[in-house]
Amino acid sequence: MKYDILISGVGGQGTVLASRILALSSIEAGFFARTAETIGMSQRGGSVVSHVRIGSENSSSVIPLSGADLLIGFELCEAARCIQRLSPDGKCIVNKQVIKPVTVSLGNSNYDTDGITEFIKKNCKCPVFIDGYSLAEQAGSVKAVNIVLLGAAAGLGFLPFDRSVLEKVIASNVPQKYVELNMKAFELGYREGIMQKTVAAC
């Protein structure tokens, strides 16, 4: 079984932890997995792309163009930036959160939310947009948006292993005092994924 997952976002959103959890979950489920990260110039605010390759014994650690089975976009523009790595039949989950880059904040460019959304829709057969930020806030911390998105991926049935595997790995890879918060974030994301699944027809 071969399955490639690309995670794109902005520094500080927990993309690297999310890729680690996916890789460890794959191993827990009995699959070989490898990861790679491309991190932008700024630790906070720079683009971060994580590659998770499941069943990749004979492959490089970087997903080729048009090779990803799933794209999880932690931020709208970053999802659009990486859409070229999604396969023609690939699926994507996009957090609707907008984090404006410095050039936009300085007034040197525009952030066309509607245009970016339409671009994603035109380049993905099955885009699912969720408000991960609000769900993470509901769970108790906006920092848990990464776990919300993993929960949504599980609820949509986009992952090659059971939710129980993810929950076990999450519980053992976050600080003990934040386990309950992260489990709540996962459950909220999972429920959102289930709800979106009835609408998305992926």
C-alpha atoms as a PDB file:
ATOM      1  CA  MET A   1       0.000   0.000   0.000  1.00  0.00           C
ATOM      2  CA  LYS A   2       1.414   3.365  -1.036  1.00  0.00           C
ATOM      3  CA  TYR A   3      -0.110   6.638   0.104  1.00  0.00           C
ATOM      4  CA  ASP A   4       1.413  10.129   0.016  1.00  0.00           C
ATOM      5  CA  ILE A   5       0.241  12.994   2.226  1.00  0.00           C
ATOM      6  CA  LEU A   6       1.404  16.594   1.825  1.00  0.00           C
ATOM      7  CA  ILE A   7       0.912  19.100   4.638  1.00  0.00           C
ATOM      8  CA  SER A   8       1.282  22.811   3.908  1.00  0.00           C
ATOM      9  CA  GLY A   9       1.037  25.697   6.313  1.00  0.00           C
ATOM     10  CA  VAL A  10       2.786  28.516   8.117  1.00  0.00           C
ATOM     11  CA  GLY A  11       5.408  28.288  10.836  1.00  0.00           C
ATOM     12  CA  GLY A  12       3.828  27.956  14.270  1.00  0.00           C
ATOM     13  CA  GLN A  13       0.724  26.041  13.146  1.00  0.00           C
ATOM     14  CA  GLY A  14       2.034  22.624  14.169  1.00  0.00           C
ATOM     15  CA  THR A  15       2.525  21.164  10.697  1.00  0.00           C
ATOM     16  CA  VAL A  16       5.698  19.291  11.647  1.00  0.00           C
ATOM     17  CA  LEU A  17       4.022  17.665  14.659  1.00  0.00           C
ATOM     18  CA  ALA A  18       1.096  16.687  12.425  1.00  0.00           C
ATOM     19  CA  SER A  19       3.447  14.999   9.940  1.00  0.00           C
ATOM     20  CA  ARG A  20       5.185  13.180  12.784  1.00  0.00           C
ATOM     21  CA  ILE A  21       1.862  11.922  14.135  1.00  0.00           C
ATOM     22  CA  LEU A  22       0.815  10.691  10.682  1.00  0.00           C
ATOM     23  CA  ALA A  23       4.131   8.906  10.153  1.00  0.00           C
ATOM     24  CA  LEU A  24       4.078   7.287  13.594  1.00  0.00           C
ATOM     25  CA  SER A  25       0.449   6.268  13.089  1.00  0.00           C
ATOM     26  CA  SER A  26       1.409   4.633   9.800  1.00  0.00           C
ATOM     27  CA  ILE A  27       4.173   2.684  11.514  1.00  0.00           C
ATOM     28  CA  GLU A  28       1.809   1.735  14.351  1.00  0.00           C
ATOM     29  CA  ALA A  29      -0.589   0.402  11.708  1.00  0.00           C
ATOM     30  CA  GLY A  30       2.174  -1.745  10.208  1.00  0.00           C
ATOM     31  CA  PHE A  31       3.268   0.403   7.265  1.00  0.00           C
ATOM     32  CA  PHE A  32       6.684   1.792   6.367  1.00  0.00           C
ATOM     33  CA  ALA A  33       6.769   5.604   6.438  1.00  0.00           C
ATOM     34  CA  ARG A  34       9.225   8.429   5.907  1.00  0.00           C
ATOM     35  CA  THR A  35       8.927  12.208   6.201  1.00  0.00           C
ATOM     36  CA  ALA A  36      10.638  15.341   4.957  1.00  0.00           C
ATOM     37  CA  GLU A  37      10.146  19.039   5.696  1.00  0.00           C
ATOM     38  CA  THR A  38      10.762  22.247   3.793  1.00  0.00           C
ATOM     39  CA  ILE A  39      10.778  25.167   6.195  1.00  0.00           C
ATOM     40  CA  GLY A  40      10.646  28.818   5.117  1.00  0.00           C
ATOM     41  CA  MET A  41      13.000  31.643   6.040  1.00  0.00           C
ATOM     42  CA  SER A  42      11.118  32.557   9.211  1.00  0.00           C
ATOM     43  CA  GLN A  43      10.408  30.050  11.952  1.00  0.00           C
ATOM     44  CA  ARG A  44       7.144  31.872  12.658  1.00  0.00           C
ATOM     45  CA  GLY A  45       5.294  33.030   9.568  1.00  0.00           C
ATOM     46  CA  GLY A  46       7.342  31.287   6.888  1.00  0.00           C
ATOM     47  CA  SER A  47       5.940  28.583   4.615  1.00  0.00           C
ATOM     48  CA  VAL A  48       6.275  25.034   5.929  1.00  0.00           C
ATOM     49  CA  VAL A  49       5.680  21.958   3.787  1.00  0.00           C
ATOM     50  CA  SER A  50       5.805  18.430   5.205  1.00  0.00           C
ATOM     51  CA  HIS A  51       5.889  15.259   3.117  1.00  0.00           C
ATOM     52  CA  VAL A  52       4.589  12.002   4.614  1.00  0.00           C
ATOM     53  CA  ARG A  53       5.169   8.975   2.386  1.00  0.00           C
ATOM     54  CA  ILE A  54       3.491   5.767   3.497  1.00  0.00           C
ATOM     55  CA  GLY A  55       4.668   2.499   1.938  1.00  0.00           C
ATOM     56  CA  SER A  56       7.628   4.376   0.498  1.00  0.00           C
ATOM     57  CA  GLU A  57      10.458   1.869   0.858  1.00  0.00           C
ATOM     58  CA  ASN A  58      11.568   2.415  -2.740  1.00  0.00           C
ATOM     59  CA  SER A  59      10.772   6.129  -3.000  1.00  0.00           C
ATOM     60  CA  SER A  60      12.491   9.369  -2.065  1.00  0.00           C
ATOM     61  CA  SER A  61      11.271  11.305   0.959  1.00  0.00           C
ATOM     62  CA  VAL A  62       9.856  14.134  -1.192  1.00  0.00           C
ATOM     63  CA  ILE A  63       6.504  13.759  -2.942  1.00  0.00           C
ATOM     64  CA  PRO A  64       6.853  14.567  -6.663  1.00  0.00           C
ATOM     65  CA  LEU A  65       4.634  16.979  -8.579  1.00  0.00           C
ATOM     66  CA  SER A  66       1.134  15.516  -9.117  1.00  0.00           C
ATOM     67  CA  GLY A  67       2.017  12.709  -6.708  1.00  0.00           C
ATOM     68  CA  ALA A  68       0.161  13.429  -3.457  1.00  0.00           C
ATOM     69  CA  ASP A  69      -2.942  11.410  -2.625  1.00  0.00           C
ATOM     70  CA  LEU A  70      -3.963  13.910   0.057  1.00  0.00           C
ATOM     71  CA  LEU A  71      -3.160  17.558   0.710  1.00  0.00           C
ATOM     72  CA  ILE A  72      -3.887  18.982   4.150  1.00  0.00           C
ATOM     73  CA  GLY A  73      -3.673  22.766   3.915  1.00  0.00           C
ATOM     74  CA  PHE A  74      -3.351  24.488   7.265  1.00  0.00           C
ATOM     75  CA  GLU A  75      -3.760  27.914   5.620  1.00  0.00           C
ATOM     76  CA  LEU A  76      -5.694  28.900   2.491  1.00  0.00           C
ATOM     77  CA  CYS A  77      -2.871  30.452   0.446  1.00  0.00           C
ATOM     78  CA  GLU A  78      -0.374  27.761   1.442  1.00  0.00           C
ATOM     79  CA  ALA A  79      -2.807  25.080   0.259  1.00  0.00           C
ATOM     80  CA  ALA A  80      -3.040  26.808  -3.134  1.00  0.00           C
ATOM     81  CA  ARG A  81       0.730  27.148  -3.285  1.00  0.00           C
ATOM     82  CA  CYS A  82       1.158  23.370  -3.008  1.00  0.00           C
ATOM     83  CA  ILE A  83      -1.791  22.224  -5.096  1.00  0.00           C
ATOM     84  CA  GLN A  84       0.533  21.322  -7.978  1.00  0.00           C
ATOM     85  CA  ARG A  85       1.830  18.390  -5.936  1.00  0.00           C
ATOM     86  CA  LEU A  86      -1.667  16.901  -5.643  1.00  0.00           C
ATOM     87  CA  SER A  87      -2.452  14.026  -7.997  1.00  0.00           C
ATOM     88  CA  PRO A  88      -5.341  14.439 -10.487  1.00  0.00           C
ATOM     89  CA  ASP A  89      -7.456  12.126  -8.326  1.00  0.00           C
ATOM     90  CA  GLY A  90      -6.127  13.448  -5.026  1.00  0.00           C
ATOM     91  CA  LYS A  91      -8.204  14.894  -2.210  1.00  0.00           C
ATOM     92  CA  CYS A  92      -7.588  17.989  -0.109  1.00  0.00           C
ATOM     93  CA  ILE A  93      -8.666  19.358   3.236  1.00  0.00           C
ATOM     94  CA  VAL A  94      -8.196  23.096   3.610  1.00  0.00           C
ATOM     95  CA  ASN A  95      -8.364  25.132   6.786  1.00  0.00           C
ATOM     96  CA  LYS A  96     -10.169  28.374   5.881  1.00  0.00           C
ATOM     97  CA  GLN A  97      -7.928  30.363   8.201  1.00  0.00           C
ATOM     98  CA  VAL A  98      -6.119  33.272   6.540  1.00  0.00           C
ATOM     99  CA  ILE A  99      -2.645  34.297   7.718  1.00  0.00           C
ATOM    100  CA  LYS A 100      -1.610  37.289   5.648  1.00  0.00           C
ATOM    101  CA  PRO A 101       2.058  37.405   4.618  1.00  0.00           C
ATOM    102  CA  VAL A 102       4.200  40.450   5.394  1.00  0.00           C
ATOM    103  CA  THR A 103       3.856  41.807   1.850  1.00  0.00           C
ATOM    104  CA  VAL A 104       0.077  41.988   2.279  1.00  0.00           C
ATOM    105  CA  SER A 105       0.353  43.554   5.731  1.00  0.00           C
ATOM    106  CA  LEU A 106       2.644  46.226   4.285  1.00  0.00           C
ATOM    107  CA  GLY A 107       0.181  46.957   1.504  1.00  0.00           C
ATOM    108  CA  ASN A 108       2.474  45.735  -1.274  1.00  0.00           C
ATOM    109  CA  SER A 109       0.103  42.997  -2.458  1.00  0.00           C
ATOM    110  CA  ASN A 110      -3.450  41.721  -2.013  1.00  0.00           C
ATOM    111  CA  TYR A 111      -4.816  38.543  -0.457  1.00  0.00           C
ATOM    112  CA  ASP A 112      -7.632  37.477  -2.766  1.00  0.00           C
ATOM    113  CA  THR A 113      -9.487  34.993  -0.569  1.00  0.00           C
ATOM    114  CA  ASP A 114     -12.237  34.279  -3.101  1.00  0.00           C
ATOM    115  CA  GLY A 115      -9.771  33.901  -5.964  1.00  0.00           C
ATOM    116  CA  ILE A 116      -7.553  31.534  -3.986  1.00  0.00           C
ATOM    117  CA  THR A 117     -10.557  29.440  -2.959  1.00  0.00           C
ATOM    118  CA  GLU A 118     -11.723  29.155  -6.578  1.00  0.00           C
ATOM    119  CA  PHE A 119      -8.196  28.195  -7.669  1.00  0.00           C
ATOM    120  CA  ILE A 120      -8.177  25.324  -5.175  1.00  0.00           C
ATOM    121  CA  LYS A 121     -11.624  24.169  -6.312  1.00  0.00           C
ATOM    122  CA  LYS A 122     -10.519  24.138  -9.953  1.00  0.00           C
ATOM    123  CA  ASN A 123      -7.390  22.117  -9.188  1.00  0.00           C
ATOM    124  CA  CYS A 124      -8.800  19.514  -6.811  1.00  0.00           C
ATOM    125  CA  LYS A 125     -11.646  17.112  -7.542  1.00  0.00           C
ATOM    126  CA  CYS A 126     -12.596  16.850  -3.896  1.00  0.00           C
ATOM    127  CA  PRO A 127     -11.767  19.975  -1.856  1.00  0.00           C
ATOM    128  CA  VAL A 128     -13.127  20.099   1.691  1.00  0.00           C
ATOM    129  CA  PHE A 129     -12.975  23.454   3.460  1.00  0.00           C
ATOM    130  CA  ILE A 130     -13.304  23.599   7.247  1.00  0.00           C
ATOM    131  CA  ASP A 131     -12.956  26.282   9.891  1.00  0.00           C
ATOM    132  CA  GLY A 132     -10.242  24.500  11.840  1.00  0.00           C
ATOM    133  CA  TYR A 133      -9.290  27.614  13.778  1.00  0.00           C
ATOM    134  CA  SER A 134     -12.766  27.977  15.321  1.00  0.00           C
ATOM    135  CA  LEU A 135     -12.937  24.284  16.188  1.00  0.00           C
ATOM    136  CA  ALA A 136      -9.512  24.453  17.860  1.00  0.00           C
ATOM    137  CA  GLU A 137     -10.662  27.506  19.814  1.00  0.00           C
ATOM    138  CA  GLN A 138     -13.744  25.562  20.874  1.00  0.00           C
ATOM    139  CA  ALA A 139     -11.508  22.715  22.063  1.00  0.00           C
ATOM    140  CA  GLY A 140      -9.597  25.105  24.297  1.00  0.00           C
ATOM    141  CA  SER A 141      -6.627  26.379  22.274  1.00  0.00           C
ATOM    142  CA  VAL A 142      -6.123  27.653  18.718  1.00  0.00           C
ATOM    143  CA  LYS A 143      -2.762  25.850  18.820  1.00  0.00           C
ATOM    144  CA  ALA A 144      -4.656  22.577  18.464  1.00  0.00           C
ATOM    145  CA  VAL A 145      -5.684  23.350  14.867  1.00  0.00           C
ATOM    146  CA  ASN A 146      -3.252  20.666  13.656  1.00  0.00           C
ATOM    147  CA  ILE A 147      -5.058  17.986  15.663  1.00  0.00           C
ATOM    148  CA  VAL A 148      -8.437  19.285  14.459  1.00  0.00           C
ATOM    149  CA  LEU A 149      -7.307  18.822  10.858  1.00  0.00           C
ATOM    150  CA  LEU A 150      -6.039  15.306  11.526  1.00  0.00           C
ATOM    151  CA  GLY A 151      -9.393  14.497  13.094  1.00  0.00           C
ATOM    152  CA  ALA A 152     -11.174  15.867  10.019  1.00  0.00           C
ATOM    153  CA  ALA A 153      -9.000  13.720   7.740  1.00  0.00           C
ATOM    154  CA  ALA A 154      -9.925  10.652   9.782  1.00  0.00           C
ATOM    155  CA  GLY A 155     -13.623  11.538   9.805  1.00  0.00           C
ATOM    156  CA  LEU A 156     -13.631  11.982   6.038  1.00  0.00           C
ATOM    157  CA  GLY A 157     -12.038   8.560   5.618  1.00  0.00           C
ATOM    158  CA  PHE A 158      -8.995  10.046   3.869  1.00  0.00           C
ATOM    159  CA  LEU A 159      -6.401   8.169   5.959  1.00  0.00           C
ATOM    160  CA  PRO A 160      -5.261   4.537   5.490  1.00  0.00           C
ATOM    161  CA  PHE A 161      -5.616   3.617   9.175  1.00  0.00           C
ATOM    162  CA  ASP A 162      -8.239   3.687  11.917  1.00  0.00           C
ATOM    163  CA  ARG A 163      -8.893   6.672  14.188  1.00  0.00           C
ATOM    164  CA  SER A 164      -7.911   4.621  17.235  1.00  0.00           C
ATOM    165  CA  VAL A 165      -4.346   4.443  15.925  1.00  0.00           C
ATOM    166  CA  LEU A 166      -4.202   8.229  15.570  1.00  0.00           C
ATOM    167  CA  GLU A 167      -5.642   8.791  19.028  1.00  0.00           C
ATOM    168  CA  LYS A 168      -3.068   6.466  20.585  1.00  0.00           C
ATOM    169  CA  VAL A 169      -0.179   8.241  18.854  1.00  0.00           C
ATOM    170  CA  ILE A 170      -1.508  11.722  19.665  1.00  0.00           C
ATOM    171  CA  ALA A 171      -1.864  10.835  23.343  1.00  0.00           C
ATOM    172  CA  SER A 172       1.755   9.656  23.489  1.00  0.00           C
ATOM    173  CA  ASN A 173       3.237  12.592  21.554  1.00  0.00           C
ATOM    174  CA  VAL A 174       1.768  15.646  23.242  1.00  0.00           C
ATOM    175  CA  PRO A 175       2.562  16.809  26.796  1.00  0.00           C
ATOM    176  CA  GLN A 176       0.458  14.923  29.333  1.00  0.00           C
ATOM    177  CA  LYS A 177      -1.272  18.081  30.565  1.00  0.00           C
ATOM    178  CA  TYR A 178      -2.568  18.777  27.029  1.00  0.00           C
ATOM    179  CA  VAL A 179      -3.792  15.277  26.170  1.00  0.00           C
ATOM    180  CA  GLU A 180      -7.421  15.971  27.115  1.00  0.00           C
ATOM    181  CA  LEU A 181      -7.458  19.208  25.098  1.00  0.00           C
ATOM    182  CA  ASN A 182      -6.001  17.478  22.053  1.00  0.00           C
ATOM    183  CA  MET A 183      -8.432  14.580  22.312  1.00  0.00           C
ATOM    184  CA  LYS A 184     -11.284  17.091  22.321  1.00  0.00           C
ATOM    185  CA  ALA A 185      -9.769  18.856  19.298  1.00  0.00           C
ATOM    186  CA  PHE A 186      -9.475  15.526  17.492  1.00  0.00           C
ATOM    187  CA  GLU A 187     -13.085  14.617  18.257  1.00  0.00           C
ATOM    188  CA  LEU A 188     -14.383  17.991  17.038  1.00  0.00           C
ATOM    189  CA  GLY A 189     -12.375  17.634  13.840  1.00  0.00           C
ATOM    190  CA  TYR A 190     -13.561  14.052  13.402  1.00  0.00           C
ATOM    191  CA  ARG A 191     -17.207  15.053  13.750  1.00  0.00           C
ATOM    192  CA  GLU A 192     -16.689  17.881  11.253  1.00  0.00           C
ATOM    193  CA  GLY A 193     -15.124  15.400   8.848  1.00  0.00           C
ATOM    194  CA  ILE A 194     -18.090  13.039   9.198  1.00  0.00           C
ATOM    195  CA  MET A 195     -20.470  15.915   8.522  1.00  0.00           C
ATOM    196  CA  GLN A 196     -18.498  17.150   5.510  1.00  0.00           C
ATOM    197  CA  LYS A 197     -18.309  13.610   4.122  1.00  0.00           C
ATOM    198  CA  THR A 198     -22.072  13.578   3.600  1.00  0.00           C
ATOM    199  CA  VAL A 199     -21.769  16.787   1.557  1.00  0.00           C
ATOM    200  CA  ALA A 200     -18.479  16.377  -0.299  1.00  0.00           C
ATOM    201  CA  ALA A 201     -19.259  13.055  -2.042  1.00  0.00           C
ATOM    202  CA  CYS A 202     -15.543  12.264  -2.299  1.00  0.00           C
END
